[in-house]
Amino acid sequence: MTKNPLEALDDSTRRYRQTEAEHERSRTAVIADVVAALKAGERPTDVVKRSPFTDAYVRKLAREHGIEARTKGGKASS
């Protein structure tokens, strides 16, 4: 027996909302871990390579959390 189109839509919408919530929880966890890694002094390049985010977004997260940019020598800029 085949579902009618509206029942199928109800089912796919329910699955979408369930996975959307899980995706947001995962995204929040990744952001927290990115910030923690940057605060611990990890190189932004290494953080970007291990995260799903672009270098521009990682820089934005760093600015939003008061993490200073590092110079090429590895020291925080003033």
N, C-alpha and C. Protein backbone atom coordinates (compact mmCIF):
# COMPACT_ATOMS: atom_id res chain seq x y z
N MET A 1 0.85 -1.18 0.00
CA MET A 1 0.00 0.00 0.00
C MET A 1 0.90 1.24 0.00
N THR A 2 0.61 2.15 -0.85
CA THR A 2 1.38 3.37 -1.02
C THR A 2 0.77 4.48 -0.18
N LYS A 3 1.66 5.27 0.45
CA LYS A 3 1.18 6.43 1.21
C LYS A 3 0.68 7.48 0.24
N ASN A 4 -0.27 8.26 0.71
CA ASN A 4 -0.67 9.38 -0.14
C ASN A 4 0.40 10.46 -0.03
N PRO A 5 0.46 11.36 -0.99
CA PRO A 5 1.53 12.36 -1.02
C PRO A 5 1.64 13.22 0.23
N LEU A 6 0.53 13.55 0.86
CA LEU A 6 0.59 14.39 2.06
C LEU A 6 1.13 13.61 3.26
N GLU A 7 0.81 12.32 3.34
CA GLU A 7 1.38 11.50 4.42
C GLU A 7 2.89 11.35 4.22
N ALA A 8 3.30 11.15 2.98
CA ALA A 8 4.74 11.06 2.68
C ALA A 8 5.43 12.36 3.04
N LEU A 9 4.79 13.48 2.72
CA LEU A 9 5.35 14.79 3.06
C LEU A 9 5.44 14.97 4.57
N ASP A 10 4.42 14.54 5.31
CA ASP A 10 4.46 14.61 6.77
C ASP A 10 5.65 13.82 7.31
N ASP A 11 5.86 12.62 6.78
CA ASP A 11 6.97 11.79 7.25
C ASP A 11 8.32 12.42 6.93
N SER A 12 8.50 12.91 5.72
CA SER A 12 9.79 13.50 5.37
C SER A 12 10.04 14.80 6.12
N THR A 13 8.99 15.56 6.38
CA THR A 13 9.15 16.79 7.17
C THR A 13 9.54 16.46 8.60
N ARG A 14 8.95 15.42 9.18
CA ARG A 14 9.30 15.00 10.54
C ARG A 14 10.77 14.58 10.61
N ARG A 15 11.22 13.80 9.64
CA ARG A 15 12.64 13.37 9.61
C ARG A 15 13.55 14.58 9.44
N TYR A 16 13.16 15.51 8.59
CA TYR A 16 13.95 16.73 8.37
C TYR A 16 14.11 17.50 9.67
N ARG A 17 13.04 17.69 10.38
CA ARG A 17 13.11 18.47 11.63
C ARG A 17 13.94 17.75 12.69
N GLN A 18 13.86 16.44 12.73
CA GLN A 18 14.68 15.69 13.69
C GLN A 18 16.16 15.82 13.37
N THR A 19 16.53 15.69 12.12
CA THR A 19 17.95 15.78 11.75
C THR A 19 18.44 17.22 11.82
N GLU A 20 17.55 18.18 11.57
CA GLU A 20 17.93 19.59 11.67
C GLU A 20 18.34 19.93 13.11
N ALA A 21 17.58 19.44 14.07
CA ALA A 21 17.90 19.70 15.48
C ALA A 21 19.24 19.05 15.85
N GLU A 22 19.48 17.84 15.40
CA GLU A 22 20.75 17.16 15.68
C GLU A 22 21.91 17.90 15.01
N HIS A 23 21.71 18.37 13.81
CA HIS A 23 22.74 19.13 13.11
C HIS A 23 23.10 20.40 13.90
N GLU A 24 22.11 21.08 14.41
CA GLU A 24 22.37 22.31 15.18
C GLU A 24 23.13 21.99 16.47
N ARG A 25 22.79 20.89 17.14
CA ARG A 25 23.53 20.49 18.34
C ARG A 25 24.99 20.20 18.00
N SER A 26 25.21 19.51 16.89
CA SER A 26 26.58 19.20 16.46
C SER A 26 27.34 20.47 16.10
N ARG A 27 26.69 21.38 15.42
CA ARG A 27 27.32 22.65 15.03
C ARG A 27 27.74 23.44 16.27
N THR A 28 26.86 23.48 17.26
CA THR A 28 27.17 24.19 18.50
C THR A 28 28.38 23.56 19.20
N ALA A 29 28.45 22.24 19.19
CA ALA A 29 29.58 21.54 19.81
C ALA A 29 30.88 21.83 19.06
N VAL A 30 30.82 21.84 17.73
CA VAL A 30 32.03 22.12 16.94
C VAL A 30 32.50 23.55 17.20
N ILE A 31 31.59 24.50 17.27
CA ILE A 31 31.97 25.88 17.55
C ILE A 31 32.68 25.97 18.90
N ALA A 32 32.12 25.32 19.91
CA ALA A 32 32.74 25.34 21.24
C ALA A 32 34.15 24.73 21.19
N ASP A 33 34.31 23.66 20.45
CA ASP A 33 35.63 23.02 20.35
C ASP A 33 36.61 23.86 19.55
N VAL A 34 36.15 24.54 18.52
CA VAL A 34 37.01 25.45 17.75
C VAL A 34 37.51 26.56 18.67
N VAL A 35 36.60 27.17 19.40
CA VAL A 35 36.98 28.26 20.31
C VAL A 35 37.95 27.75 21.38
N ALA A 36 37.68 26.57 21.94
CA ALA A 36 38.57 26.01 22.96
C ALA A 36 39.97 25.76 22.39
N ALA A 37 40.03 25.25 21.17
CA ALA A 37 41.34 24.98 20.55
C ALA A 37 42.10 26.28 20.31
N LEU A 38 41.40 27.30 19.84
CA LEU A 38 42.06 28.59 19.61
C LEU A 38 42.53 29.20 20.93
N LYS A 39 41.70 29.13 21.95
CA LYS A 39 42.09 29.67 23.27
C LYS A 39 43.27 28.91 23.86
N ALA A 40 43.39 27.63 23.51
CA ALA A 40 44.51 26.82 24.00
C ALA A 40 45.78 27.09 23.22
N GLY A 41 45.69 27.96 22.20
CA GLY A 41 46.89 28.34 21.45
C GLY A 41 47.14 27.52 20.20
N GLU A 42 46.18 26.69 19.82
CA GLU A 42 46.36 25.92 18.58
C GLU A 42 46.38 26.87 17.39
N ARG A 43 47.13 26.49 16.38
CA ARG A 43 47.23 27.32 15.19
C ARG A 43 45.90 27.34 14.45
N PRO A 44 45.43 28.51 14.05
CA PRO A 44 44.17 28.58 13.30
C PRO A 44 44.17 27.70 12.05
N THR A 45 45.32 27.59 11.40
CA THR A 45 45.41 26.74 10.21
C THR A 45 45.07 25.29 10.56
N ASP A 46 45.57 24.81 11.69
CA ASP A 46 45.29 23.45 12.11
C ASP A 46 43.82 23.29 12.52
N VAL A 47 43.29 24.32 13.16
CA VAL A 47 41.88 24.28 13.57
C VAL A 47 40.98 24.22 12.34
N VAL A 48 41.27 25.03 11.34
CA VAL A 48 40.47 25.04 10.10
C VAL A 48 40.52 23.66 9.44
N LYS A 49 41.69 23.06 9.37
CA LYS A 49 41.84 21.75 8.70
C LYS A 49 41.00 20.67 9.37
N ARG A 50 40.80 20.80 10.68
CA ARG A 50 40.09 19.76 11.42
C ARG A 50 38.61 20.08 11.64
N SER A 51 38.19 21.26 11.23
CA SER A 51 36.79 21.65 11.43
C SER A 51 36.06 21.69 10.09
N PRO A 52 34.75 21.77 10.13
CA PRO A 52 33.99 21.89 8.88
C PRO A 52 33.87 23.34 8.40
N PHE A 53 34.57 24.27 9.06
CA PHE A 53 34.41 25.69 8.79
C PHE A 53 35.54 26.25 7.94
N THR A 54 35.24 27.34 7.25
CA THR A 54 36.25 28.03 6.45
C THR A 54 37.18 28.82 7.36
N ASP A 55 38.32 29.22 6.81
CA ASP A 55 39.25 30.04 7.58
C ASP A 55 38.61 31.37 7.97
N ALA A 56 37.80 31.94 7.09
CA ALA A 56 37.14 33.21 7.42
C ALA A 56 36.18 33.05 8.59
N TYR A 57 35.46 31.94 8.64
CA TYR A 57 34.51 31.73 9.74
C TYR A 57 35.25 31.47 11.05
N VAL A 58 36.35 30.74 10.99
CA VAL A 58 37.15 30.51 12.20
C VAL A 58 37.71 31.83 12.72
N ARG A 59 38.17 32.70 11.82
CA ARG A 59 38.64 34.03 12.25
C ARG A 59 37.50 34.82 12.90
N LYS A 60 36.32 34.74 12.33
CA LYS A 60 35.16 35.43 12.89
C LYS A 60 34.85 34.92 14.29
N LEU A 61 34.88 33.60 14.47
CA LEU A 61 34.64 33.03 15.80
C LEU A 61 35.70 33.52 16.78
N ALA A 62 36.94 33.58 16.33
CA ALA A 62 38.02 34.05 17.21
C ALA A 62 37.75 35.49 17.64
N ARG A 63 37.40 36.35 16.70
CA ARG A 63 37.10 37.75 17.04
C ARG A 63 35.93 37.84 18.01
N GLU A 64 34.88 37.09 17.76
CA GLU A 64 33.69 37.13 18.61
C GLU A 64 33.99 36.68 20.03
N HIS A 65 35.02 35.86 20.20
CA HIS A 65 35.36 35.34 21.52
C HIS A 65 36.61 35.99 22.11
N GLY A 66 37.01 37.12 21.52
CA GLY A 66 38.12 37.88 22.07
C GLY A 66 39.48 37.22 21.95
N ILE A 67 39.63 36.36 20.97
CA ILE A 67 40.91 35.67 20.77
C ILE A 67 41.71 36.50 19.78
N GLU A 68 42.87 36.95 20.22
CA GLU A 68 43.70 37.81 19.37
C GLU A 68 44.35 37.02 18.26
N ALA A 69 44.54 37.70 17.13
CA ALA A 69 45.25 37.09 16.00
C ALA A 69 46.70 36.85 16.40
N ARG A 70 47.26 35.80 15.83
CA ARG A 70 48.67 35.50 16.13
C ARG A 70 49.52 35.95 14.97
N THR A 71 50.73 36.40 15.30
CA THR A 71 51.68 36.78 14.26
C THR A 71 52.34 35.53 13.71
N LYS A 72 53.10 35.66 12.64
CA LYS A 72 53.76 34.50 12.05
C LYS A 72 54.72 33.84 13.03
N GLY A 73 55.28 34.60 13.97
CA GLY A 73 56.18 34.03 14.96
C GLY A 73 55.45 33.25 16.03
N GLY A 74 54.11 33.29 16.03
CA GLY A 74 53.34 32.51 16.98
C GLY A 74 52.88 33.26 18.21
N LYS A 75 53.25 34.55 18.31
CA LYS A 75 52.82 35.33 19.48
C LYS A 75 51.58 36.11 19.16
N ALA A 76 50.74 36.30 20.15
CA ALA A 76 49.52 37.09 19.94
C ALA A 76 49.90 38.52 19.63
N SER A 77 49.18 39.10 18.68
CA SER A 77 49.46 40.51 18.34
C SER A 77 48.87 41.41 19.40
N SER A 78 49.43 42.62 19.52
CA SER A 78 48.93 43.52 20.56
C SER A 78 48.00 44.55 20.01
